[in-house]
Amino acid sequence: MIIYHGKSLQDENGAYAEFAQLFADAVIRKSPQPFLLVRPDGARMQIVAADGNLMLSVALDSDRQYVSYGSTYAEGTVQFSGLNADCEAKADNFIDASIAMAGVVAFTENKRLSDHFDMRRGIPDRDILSFPTPVAPRPHTQCITVSRTVTLCDDFQRDMASVCEFLDEVENAPDENIDFVDAIQIGSFCGGRTNPAAGTYQFSYYDKSGEVWTFDVNRTIMDSIADGGTKSLAVSATVPKAS
């Protein structure tokens, strides 16, 4: 893993231990510059500190870019030093440092970040997409869509439970808009509410196999999935086209 502090190369073959030492030194020196970690597969993570909390921005490829997300009650914005210029992020993008550092470990080990913190689509500092080299696009594979009933794995259930918890949190938050196609970015889910009156949602689930499952669901079924009562679901599955 390559470690940058700002745009200054710190280590060409580092691991979490090397980053942690460099980060601690930067905190002591009160350096405003962010850190950027670049994995061998080209994915990168930017770490920004503010008031004892951290913001993690992740660019896995040209289609998958996420930023950490914390309390819905954190209001306002935070100015921070980006790679090339000052940038601005929402205050709720900054999360507890201990939780964030566990996410950094997961990133360095190429493990699930959603096991440690929630993510939303977007990155406040888009320069991480071009430095040190442009983020590579995802390999294009011809796909077809088929209807099928899938068995729901533990990851699906756990991520759906996180979605339900998020919806409970924002139920009485008038500034939180969940009525668009990618309003909810949690774990391997991407979706939003499609009919507020009926309480229906549409989600896409990105399975570890590479398939994408799209389905419409109401809150009752979502809660049943989260509780483990619903074990299977009818979906439209996007799968690689057989050669």
C-alpha atoms as a PDB file:
ATOM      1  CA  MET A   1       0.000   0.000   0.000  1.00  0.00           C
ATOM      2  CA  ILE A   2       1.229   3.494  -0.886  1.00  0.00           C
ATOM      3  CA  ILE A   3       0.849   6.174   1.785  1.00  0.00           C
ATOM      4  CA  TYR A   4       0.665   9.912   0.996  1.00  0.00           C
ATOM      5  CA  HIS A   5       0.406  12.822   3.407  1.00  0.00           C
ATOM      6  CA  GLY A   6      -1.185  15.452   1.256  1.00  0.00           C
ATOM      7  CA  LYS A   7       0.592  14.789  -2.050  1.00  0.00           C
ATOM      8  CA  SER A   8       3.885  13.940  -0.362  1.00  0.00           C
ATOM      9  CA  LEU A   9       4.872  10.291  -0.677  1.00  0.00           C
ATOM     10  CA  GLN A  10       5.552   8.764   2.746  1.00  0.00           C
ATOM     11  CA  ASP A  11       5.822   5.016   2.096  1.00  0.00           C
ATOM     12  CA  GLU A  12       5.646   2.977  -1.110  1.00  0.00           C
ATOM     13  CA  ASN A  13       5.057  -0.359   0.605  1.00  0.00           C
ATOM     14  CA  GLY A  14       3.344   0.469   3.878  1.00  0.00           C
ATOM     15  CA  ALA A  15       0.744  -1.279   5.991  1.00  0.00           C
ATOM     16  CA  TYR A  16      -1.630  -0.067   8.677  1.00  0.00           C
ATOM     17  CA  ALA A  17       1.145   0.096  11.284  1.00  0.00           C
ATOM     18  CA  GLU A  18       3.170   2.499   9.157  1.00  0.00           C
ATOM     19  CA  PHE A  19       0.120   4.664   8.482  1.00  0.00           C
ATOM     20  CA  ALA A  20      -0.813   4.748  12.191  1.00  0.00           C
ATOM     21  CA  GLN A  21       2.638   6.023  13.135  1.00  0.00           C
ATOM     22  CA  LEU A  22       2.626   8.666  10.415  1.00  0.00           C
ATOM     23  CA  PHE A  23      -0.889   9.723  11.368  1.00  0.00           C
ATOM     24  CA  ALA A  24      -0.002  10.025  15.043  1.00  0.00           C
ATOM     25  CA  ASP A  25       2.996  12.203  14.166  1.00  0.00           C
ATOM     26  CA  ALA A  26       0.771  14.428  12.001  1.00  0.00           C
ATOM     27  CA  VAL A  27      -1.752  14.810  14.829  1.00  0.00           C
ATOM     28  CA  ILE A  28       1.017  15.867  17.223  1.00  0.00           C
ATOM     29  CA  ARG A  29       2.239  18.424  14.690  1.00  0.00           C
ATOM     30  CA  LYS A  30      -1.375  19.542  14.036  1.00  0.00           C
ATOM     31  CA  SER A  31      -0.880  19.129  10.315  1.00  0.00           C
ATOM     32  CA  PRO A  32      -4.022  20.018   8.331  1.00  0.00           C
ATOM     33  CA  GLN A  33      -3.065  17.860   5.352  1.00  0.00           C
ATOM     34  CA  PRO A  34      -5.146  14.725   4.679  1.00  0.00           C
ATOM     35  CA  PHE A  35      -3.706  11.247   4.257  1.00  0.00           C
ATOM     36  CA  LEU A  36      -4.295   9.174   1.139  1.00  0.00           C
ATOM     37  CA  LEU A  37      -3.880   5.399   1.087  1.00  0.00           C
ATOM     38  CA  VAL A  38      -3.647   3.610  -2.263  1.00  0.00           C
ATOM     39  CA  ARG A  39      -4.048  -0.161  -2.351  1.00  0.00           C
ATOM     40  CA  PRO A  40      -2.349  -2.361  -4.966  1.00  0.00           C
ATOM     41  CA  ASP A  41      -5.719  -2.773  -6.724  1.00  0.00           C
ATOM     42  CA  GLY A  42      -5.910   1.019  -7.237  1.00  0.00           C
ATOM     43  CA  ALA A  43      -8.602   1.703  -4.626  1.00  0.00           C
ATOM     44  CA  ARG A  44      -7.857   4.657  -2.403  1.00  0.00           C
ATOM     45  CA  MET A  45      -8.976   6.077   0.915  1.00  0.00           C
ATOM     46  CA  GLN A  46      -8.608   9.668   2.092  1.00  0.00           C
ATOM     47  CA  ILE A  47      -8.448  10.343   5.849  1.00  0.00           C
ATOM     48  CA  VAL A  48      -9.313  13.842   7.102  1.00  0.00           C
ATOM     49  CA  ALA A  49      -9.251  14.916  10.773  1.00  0.00           C
ATOM     50  CA  ALA A  50     -11.394  17.635  12.372  1.00  0.00           C
ATOM     51  CA  ASP A  51     -12.130  18.262  16.054  1.00  0.00           C
ATOM     52  CA  GLY A  52     -11.073  14.778  17.090  1.00  0.00           C
ATOM     53  CA  ASN A  53     -13.246  13.019  14.499  1.00  0.00           C
ATOM     54  CA  LEU A  54     -12.300  11.579  11.118  1.00  0.00           C
ATOM     55  CA  MET A  55     -13.852  11.568   7.679  1.00  0.00           C
ATOM     56  CA  LEU A  56     -13.060   8.645   5.391  1.00  0.00           C
ATOM     57  CA  SER A  57     -13.576   8.986   1.640  1.00  0.00           C
ATOM     58  CA  VAL A  58     -13.250   5.821  -0.436  1.00  0.00           C
ATOM     59  CA  ALA A  59     -12.933   5.465  -4.205  1.00  0.00           C
ATOM     60  CA  LEU A  60     -13.020   1.782  -5.124  1.00  0.00           C
ATOM     61  CA  ASP A  61     -13.304   2.506  -8.852  1.00  0.00           C
ATOM     62  CA  SER A  62     -14.917   5.042 -11.174  1.00  0.00           C
ATOM     63  CA  ASP A  63     -18.440   3.943 -10.203  1.00  0.00           C
ATOM     64  CA  ARG A  64     -18.106   3.282  -6.482  1.00  0.00           C
ATOM     65  CA  GLN A  65     -17.213   6.349  -4.422  1.00  0.00           C
ATOM     66  CA  TYR A  66     -18.323   6.727  -0.822  1.00  0.00           C
ATOM     67  CA  VAL A  67     -17.879   8.911   2.237  1.00  0.00           C
ATOM     68  CA  SER A  68     -18.334   8.037   5.901  1.00  0.00           C
ATOM     69  CA  TYR A  69     -21.622   9.007   7.517  1.00  0.00           C
ATOM     70  CA  GLY A  70     -22.338   9.500  11.200  1.00  0.00           C
ATOM     71  CA  SER A  71     -25.046  11.125  13.271  1.00  0.00           C
ATOM     72  CA  THR A  72     -27.986  12.599  11.396  1.00  0.00           C
ATOM     73  CA  TYR A  73     -28.102  15.269  14.100  1.00  0.00           C
ATOM     74  CA  ALA A  74     -24.719  16.766  13.197  1.00  0.00           C
ATOM     75  CA  GLU A  75     -25.504  19.979  11.351  1.00  0.00           C
ATOM     76  CA  GLY A  76     -23.442  22.391   9.299  1.00  0.00           C
ATOM     77  CA  THR A  77     -20.330  21.957   7.212  1.00  0.00           C
ATOM     78  CA  VAL A  78     -16.621  21.527   7.839  1.00  0.00           C
ATOM     79  CA  GLN A  79     -13.841  23.126   5.805  1.00  0.00           C
ATOM     80  CA  PHE A  80     -10.780  20.948   5.258  1.00  0.00           C
ATOM     81  CA  SER A  81      -7.577  20.879   3.248  1.00  0.00           C
ATOM     82  CA  GLY A  82      -7.931  18.692   0.157  1.00  0.00           C
ATOM     83  CA  LEU A  83      -5.190  17.421  -2.107  1.00  0.00           C
ATOM     84  CA  ASN A  84      -5.189  20.514  -4.319  1.00  0.00           C
ATOM     85  CA  ALA A  85      -7.476  23.048  -2.645  1.00  0.00           C
ATOM     86  CA  ASP A  86      -9.697  23.692   0.360  1.00  0.00           C
ATOM     87  CA  CYS A  87     -12.845  21.577   0.328  1.00  0.00           C
ATOM     88  CA  GLU A  88     -16.103  21.364   2.248  1.00  0.00           C
ATOM     89  CA  ALA A  89     -17.888  18.367   3.758  1.00  0.00           C
ATOM     90  CA  LYS A  90     -21.000  17.878   5.839  1.00  0.00           C
ATOM     91  CA  ALA A  91     -20.420  17.729   9.576  1.00  0.00           C
ATOM     92  CA  ASP A  92     -22.109  14.326   9.735  1.00  0.00           C
ATOM     93  CA  ASN A  93     -19.421  12.869   7.464  1.00  0.00           C
ATOM     94  CA  PHE A  94     -17.031  12.985  10.427  1.00  0.00           C
ATOM     95  CA  ILE A  95     -17.225   9.949  12.693  1.00  0.00           C
ATOM     96  CA  ASP A  96     -15.651   8.790  15.943  1.00  0.00           C
ATOM     97  CA  ALA A  97     -11.906   8.267  15.485  1.00  0.00           C
ATOM     98  CA  SER A  98     -11.834   4.761  16.987  1.00  0.00           C
ATOM     99  CA  ILE A  99     -14.582   3.602  14.614  1.00  0.00           C
ATOM    100  CA  ALA A 100     -12.854   5.274  11.683  1.00  0.00           C
ATOM    101  CA  MET A 101      -9.496   3.662  12.422  1.00  0.00           C
ATOM    102  CA  ALA A 102     -11.148   0.233  12.465  1.00  0.00           C
ATOM    103  CA  GLY A 103     -12.424   1.113   9.000  1.00  0.00           C
ATOM    104  CA  VAL A 104      -8.909   2.050   7.900  1.00  0.00           C
ATOM    105  CA  VAL A 105      -7.709  -1.389   9.018  1.00  0.00           C
ATOM    106  CA  ALA A 106     -10.519  -3.016   7.020  1.00  0.00           C
ATOM    107  CA  PHE A 107      -9.544  -0.996   3.943  1.00  0.00           C
ATOM    108  CA  THR A 108      -5.883  -1.999   4.181  1.00  0.00           C
ATOM    109  CA  GLU A 109      -6.937  -5.658   4.513  1.00  0.00           C
ATOM    110  CA  ASN A 110      -9.515  -5.369   1.693  1.00  0.00           C
ATOM    111  CA  LYS A 111     -12.403  -6.255   4.009  1.00  0.00           C
ATOM    112  CA  ARG A 112     -15.962  -4.923   4.315  1.00  0.00           C
ATOM    113  CA  LEU A 113     -15.963  -1.288   5.423  1.00  0.00           C
ATOM    114  CA  SER A 114     -19.674  -1.417   6.258  1.00  0.00           C
ATOM    115  CA  ASP A 115     -18.901  -3.694   9.203  1.00  0.00           C
ATOM    116  CA  HIS A 116     -17.447  -0.614  10.915  1.00  0.00           C
ATOM    117  CA  PHE A 117     -19.238   2.524   9.695  1.00  0.00           C
ATOM    118  CA  ASP A 118     -22.038   3.679   7.397  1.00  0.00           C
ATOM    119  CA  MET A 119     -21.219   5.109   3.986  1.00  0.00           C
ATOM    120  CA  ARG A 120     -23.011   7.403   1.579  1.00  0.00           C
ATOM    121  CA  ARG A 121     -22.354   7.917  -2.103  1.00  0.00           C
ATOM    122  CA  GLY A 122     -19.957  10.734  -2.992  1.00  0.00           C
ATOM    123  CA  ILE A 123     -16.540  12.108  -2.083  1.00  0.00           C
ATOM    124  CA  PRO A 124     -16.000  15.711  -0.901  1.00  0.00           C
ATOM    125  CA  ASP A 125     -12.503  15.885  -2.424  1.00  0.00           C
ATOM    126  CA  ARG A 126     -12.791  14.636  -6.008  1.00  0.00           C
ATOM    127  CA  ASP A 127      -9.064  15.085  -6.560  1.00  0.00           C
ATOM    128  CA  ILE A 128      -8.507  11.660  -5.005  1.00  0.00           C
ATOM    129  CA  LEU A 129      -9.938  10.265  -8.264  1.00  0.00           C
ATOM    130  CA  SER A 130      -7.006  11.614 -10.285  1.00  0.00           C
ATOM    131  CA  PHE A 131      -4.075  11.484  -7.846  1.00  0.00           C
ATOM    132  CA  PRO A 132      -1.611   9.819  -8.038  1.00  0.00           C
ATOM    133  CA  THR A 133      -3.134   8.211 -11.151  1.00  0.00           C
ATOM    134  CA  PRO A 134      -6.732   8.226 -12.380  1.00  0.00           C
ATOM    135  CA  VAL A 135      -9.040   5.699 -10.753  1.00  0.00           C
ATOM    136  CA  ALA A 136      -9.526   2.781 -13.101  1.00  0.00           C
ATOM    137  CA  PRO A 137     -13.038   2.061 -14.405  1.00  0.00           C
ATOM    138  CA  ARG A 138     -14.702  -1.209 -13.508  1.00  0.00           C
ATOM    139  CA  PRO A 139     -14.171  -3.985 -16.059  1.00  0.00           C
ATOM    140  CA  HIS A 140     -17.122  -4.070 -18.432  1.00  0.00           C
ATOM    141  CA  THR A 141     -18.988  -7.362 -18.585  1.00  0.00           C
ATOM    142  CA  GLN A 142     -22.002  -8.041 -20.762  1.00  0.00           C
ATOM    143  CA  CYS A 143     -24.942  -8.809 -18.493  1.00  0.00           C
ATOM    144  CA  ILE A 144     -28.537  -9.941 -18.716  1.00  0.00           C
ATOM    145  CA  THR A 145     -31.405  -9.506 -16.253  1.00  0.00           C
ATOM    146  CA  VAL A 146     -33.350 -12.538 -15.065  1.00  0.00           C
ATOM    147  CA  SER A 147     -36.139 -13.007 -12.528  1.00  0.00           C
ATOM    148  CA  ARG A 148     -35.335 -15.371  -9.696  1.00  0.00           C
ATOM    149  CA  THR A 149     -35.923 -16.072  -6.038  1.00  0.00           C
ATOM    150  CA  VAL A 150     -32.749 -15.770  -3.960  1.00  0.00           C
ATOM    151  CA  THR A 151     -31.880 -17.051  -0.510  1.00  0.00           C
ATOM    152  CA  LEU A 152     -30.902 -14.181   1.764  1.00  0.00           C
ATOM    153  CA  CYS A 153     -27.469 -14.475   3.368  1.00  0.00           C
ATOM    154  CA  ASP A 154     -26.393 -13.121   6.763  1.00  0.00           C
ATOM    155  CA  ASP A 155     -24.762 -10.076   5.119  1.00  0.00           C
ATOM    156  CA  PHE A 156     -28.046  -9.230   3.378  1.00  0.00           C
ATOM    157  CA  GLN A 157     -29.947  -9.483   6.670  1.00  0.00           C
ATOM    158  CA  ARG A 158     -27.399  -7.418   8.602  1.00  0.00           C
ATOM    159  CA  ASP A 159     -27.264  -4.647   5.985  1.00  0.00           C
ATOM    160  CA  MET A 160     -31.060  -4.529   5.824  1.00  0.00           C
ATOM    161  CA  ALA A 161     -31.153  -4.143   9.612  1.00  0.00           C
ATOM    162  CA  SER A 162     -28.823  -1.134   9.225  1.00  0.00           C
ATOM    163  CA  VAL A 163     -31.154   0.315   6.573  1.00  0.00           C
ATOM    164  CA  CYS A 164     -34.137  -0.037   8.927  1.00  0.00           C
ATOM    165  CA  GLU A 165     -32.212   1.608  11.771  1.00  0.00           C
ATOM    166  CA  PHE A 166     -31.312   4.504   9.464  1.00  0.00           C
ATOM    167  CA  LEU A 167     -34.948   4.947   8.401  1.00  0.00           C
ATOM    168  CA  ASP A 168     -36.002   5.036  12.060  1.00  0.00           C
ATOM    169  CA  GLU A 169     -33.421   7.750  12.721  1.00  0.00           C
ATOM    170  CA  VAL A 170     -34.520   9.999   9.853  1.00  0.00           C
ATOM    171  CA  GLU A 171     -38.271   9.450  10.245  1.00  0.00           C
ATOM    172  CA  ASN A 172     -38.734  12.821  11.935  1.00  0.00           C
ATOM    173  CA  ALA A 173     -35.843  14.633  10.238  1.00  0.00           C
ATOM    174  CA  PRO A 174     -37.454  17.043   7.735  1.00  0.00           C
ATOM    175  CA  ASP A 175     -34.152  17.833   6.010  1.00  0.00           C
ATOM    176  CA  GLU A 176     -33.426  14.189   5.158  1.00  0.00           C
ATOM    177  CA  ASN A 177     -34.619  13.337   1.627  1.00  0.00           C
ATOM    178  CA  ILE A 178     -34.848   9.605   0.923  1.00  0.00           C
ATOM    179  CA  ASP A 179     -37.156   9.885  -2.097  1.00  0.00           C
ATOM    180  CA  PHE A 180     -34.670   9.348  -4.912  1.00  0.00           C
ATOM    181  CA  VAL A 181     -33.018   6.353  -6.494  1.00  0.00           C
ATOM    182  CA  ASP A 182     -29.719   6.321  -4.566  1.00  0.00           C
ATOM    183  CA  ALA A 183     -30.701   8.221  -1.420  1.00  0.00           C
ATOM    184  CA  ILE A 184     -29.801   5.300   0.843  1.00  0.00           C
ATOM    185  CA  GLN A 185     -26.259   3.947   0.581  1.00  0.00           C
ATOM    186  CA  ILE A 186     -25.702   1.434   3.365  1.00  0.00           C
ATOM    187  CA  GLY A 187     -23.556  -1.675   3.222  1.00  0.00           C
ATOM    188  CA  SER A 188     -24.206  -3.388  -0.108  1.00  0.00           C
ATOM    189  CA  PHE A 189     -27.556  -1.640  -0.609  1.00  0.00           C
ATOM    190  CA  CYS A 190     -28.335   1.324  -2.847  1.00  0.00           C
ATOM    191  CA  GLY A 191     -31.877   2.600  -3.124  1.00  0.00           C
ATOM    192  CA  GLY A 192     -34.594   4.924  -1.955  1.00  0.00           C
ATOM    193  CA  ARG A 193     -38.284   5.385  -1.305  1.00  0.00           C
ATOM    194  CA  THR A 194     -40.374   5.215  -4.487  1.00  0.00           C
ATOM    195  CA  ASN A 195     -43.845   5.915  -3.062  1.00  0.00           C
ATOM    196  CA  PRO A 196     -44.072   7.858   0.232  1.00  0.00           C
ATOM    197  CA  ALA A 197     -47.832   7.338   0.500  1.00  0.00           C
ATOM    198  CA  ALA A 198     -47.569   3.572   0.157  1.00  0.00           C
ATOM    199  CA  GLY A 199     -44.245   3.331   1.998  1.00  0.00           C
ATOM    200  CA  THR A 200     -42.545   1.346  -0.778  1.00  0.00           C
ATOM    201  CA  TYR A 201     -38.850   1.299  -1.607  1.00  0.00           C
ATOM    202  CA  GLN A 202     -36.648   0.036  -4.395  1.00  0.00           C
ATOM    203  CA  PHE A 203     -33.177  -1.307  -3.651  1.00  0.00           C
ATOM    204  CA  SER A 204     -30.270  -2.800  -5.509  1.00  0.00           C
ATOM    205  CA  TYR A 205     -28.117  -5.243  -3.558  1.00  0.00           C
ATOM    206  CA  TYR A 206     -24.529  -5.828  -4.722  1.00  0.00           C
ATOM    207  CA  ASP A 207     -23.834  -9.470  -3.937  1.00  0.00           C
ATOM    208  CA  LYS A 208     -20.297 -10.728  -3.390  1.00  0.00           C
ATOM    209  CA  SER A 209     -20.715 -12.992  -6.443  1.00  0.00           C
ATOM    210  CA  GLY A 210     -20.849  -9.913  -8.654  1.00  0.00           C
ATOM    211  CA  GLU A 211     -24.596 -10.150  -9.273  1.00  0.00           C
ATOM    212  CA  VAL A 212     -26.863  -7.180  -8.626  1.00  0.00           C
ATOM    213  CA  TRP A 213     -30.323  -7.927  -7.201  1.00  0.00           C
ATOM    214  CA  THR A 214     -33.009  -5.268  -7.661  1.00  0.00           C
ATOM    215  CA  PHE A 215     -36.324  -5.503  -5.835  1.00  0.00           C
ATOM    216  CA  ASP A 216     -39.303  -3.489  -4.615  1.00  0.00           C
ATOM    217  CA  VAL A 217     -40.266  -3.873  -0.981  1.00  0.00           C
ATOM    218  CA  ASN A 218     -42.351  -2.255   1.763  1.00  0.00           C
ATOM    219  CA  ARG A 219     -41.257  -1.528   5.312  1.00  0.00           C
ATOM    220  CA  THR A 220     -43.041  -4.565   6.763  1.00  0.00           C
ATOM    221  CA  ILE A 221     -40.997  -6.931   4.606  1.00  0.00           C
ATOM    222  CA  MET A 222     -37.829  -4.954   5.300  1.00  0.00           C
ATOM    223  CA  ASP A 223     -38.339  -5.397   9.043  1.00  0.00           C
ATOM    224  CA  SER A 224     -39.045  -9.098   8.522  1.00  0.00           C
ATOM    225  CA  ILE A 225     -35.779  -9.478   6.595  1.00  0.00           C
ATOM    226  CA  ALA A 226     -33.888  -7.592   9.289  1.00  0.00           C
ATOM    227  CA  ASP A 227     -35.384  -9.812  12.016  1.00  0.00           C
ATOM    228  CA  GLY A 228     -34.575 -13.002  10.115  1.00  0.00           C
ATOM    229  CA  GLY A 229     -38.212 -13.933   9.460  1.00  0.00           C
ATOM    230  CA  THR A 230     -37.992 -13.594   5.672  1.00  0.00           C
ATOM    231  CA  LYS A 231     -35.371 -15.965   4.250  1.00  0.00           C
ATOM    232  CA  SER A 232     -35.912 -15.557   0.488  1.00  0.00           C
ATOM    233  CA  LEU A 233     -36.946 -12.816  -1.907  1.00  0.00           C
ATOM    234  CA  ALA A 234     -38.039 -12.464  -5.518  1.00  0.00           C
ATOM    235  CA  VAL A 235     -35.602 -10.181  -7.366  1.00  0.00           C
ATOM    236  CA  SER A 236     -34.489  -9.081 -10.805  1.00  0.00           C
ATOM    237  CA  ALA A 237     -30.903 -10.343 -10.949  1.00  0.00           C
ATOM    238  CA  THR A 238     -28.317  -8.769 -13.246  1.00  0.00           C
ATOM    239  CA  VAL A 239     -25.899 -11.569 -14.085  1.00  0.00           C
ATOM    240  CA  PRO A 240     -22.980 -11.999 -16.511  1.00  0.00           C
ATOM    241  CA  LYS A 241     -24.131 -13.131 -19.959  1.00  0.00           C
ATOM    242  CA  ALA A 242     -23.009 -16.640 -20.782  1.00  0.00           C
ATOM    243  CA  SER A 243     -20.494 -16.750 -23.636  1.00  0.00           C
END
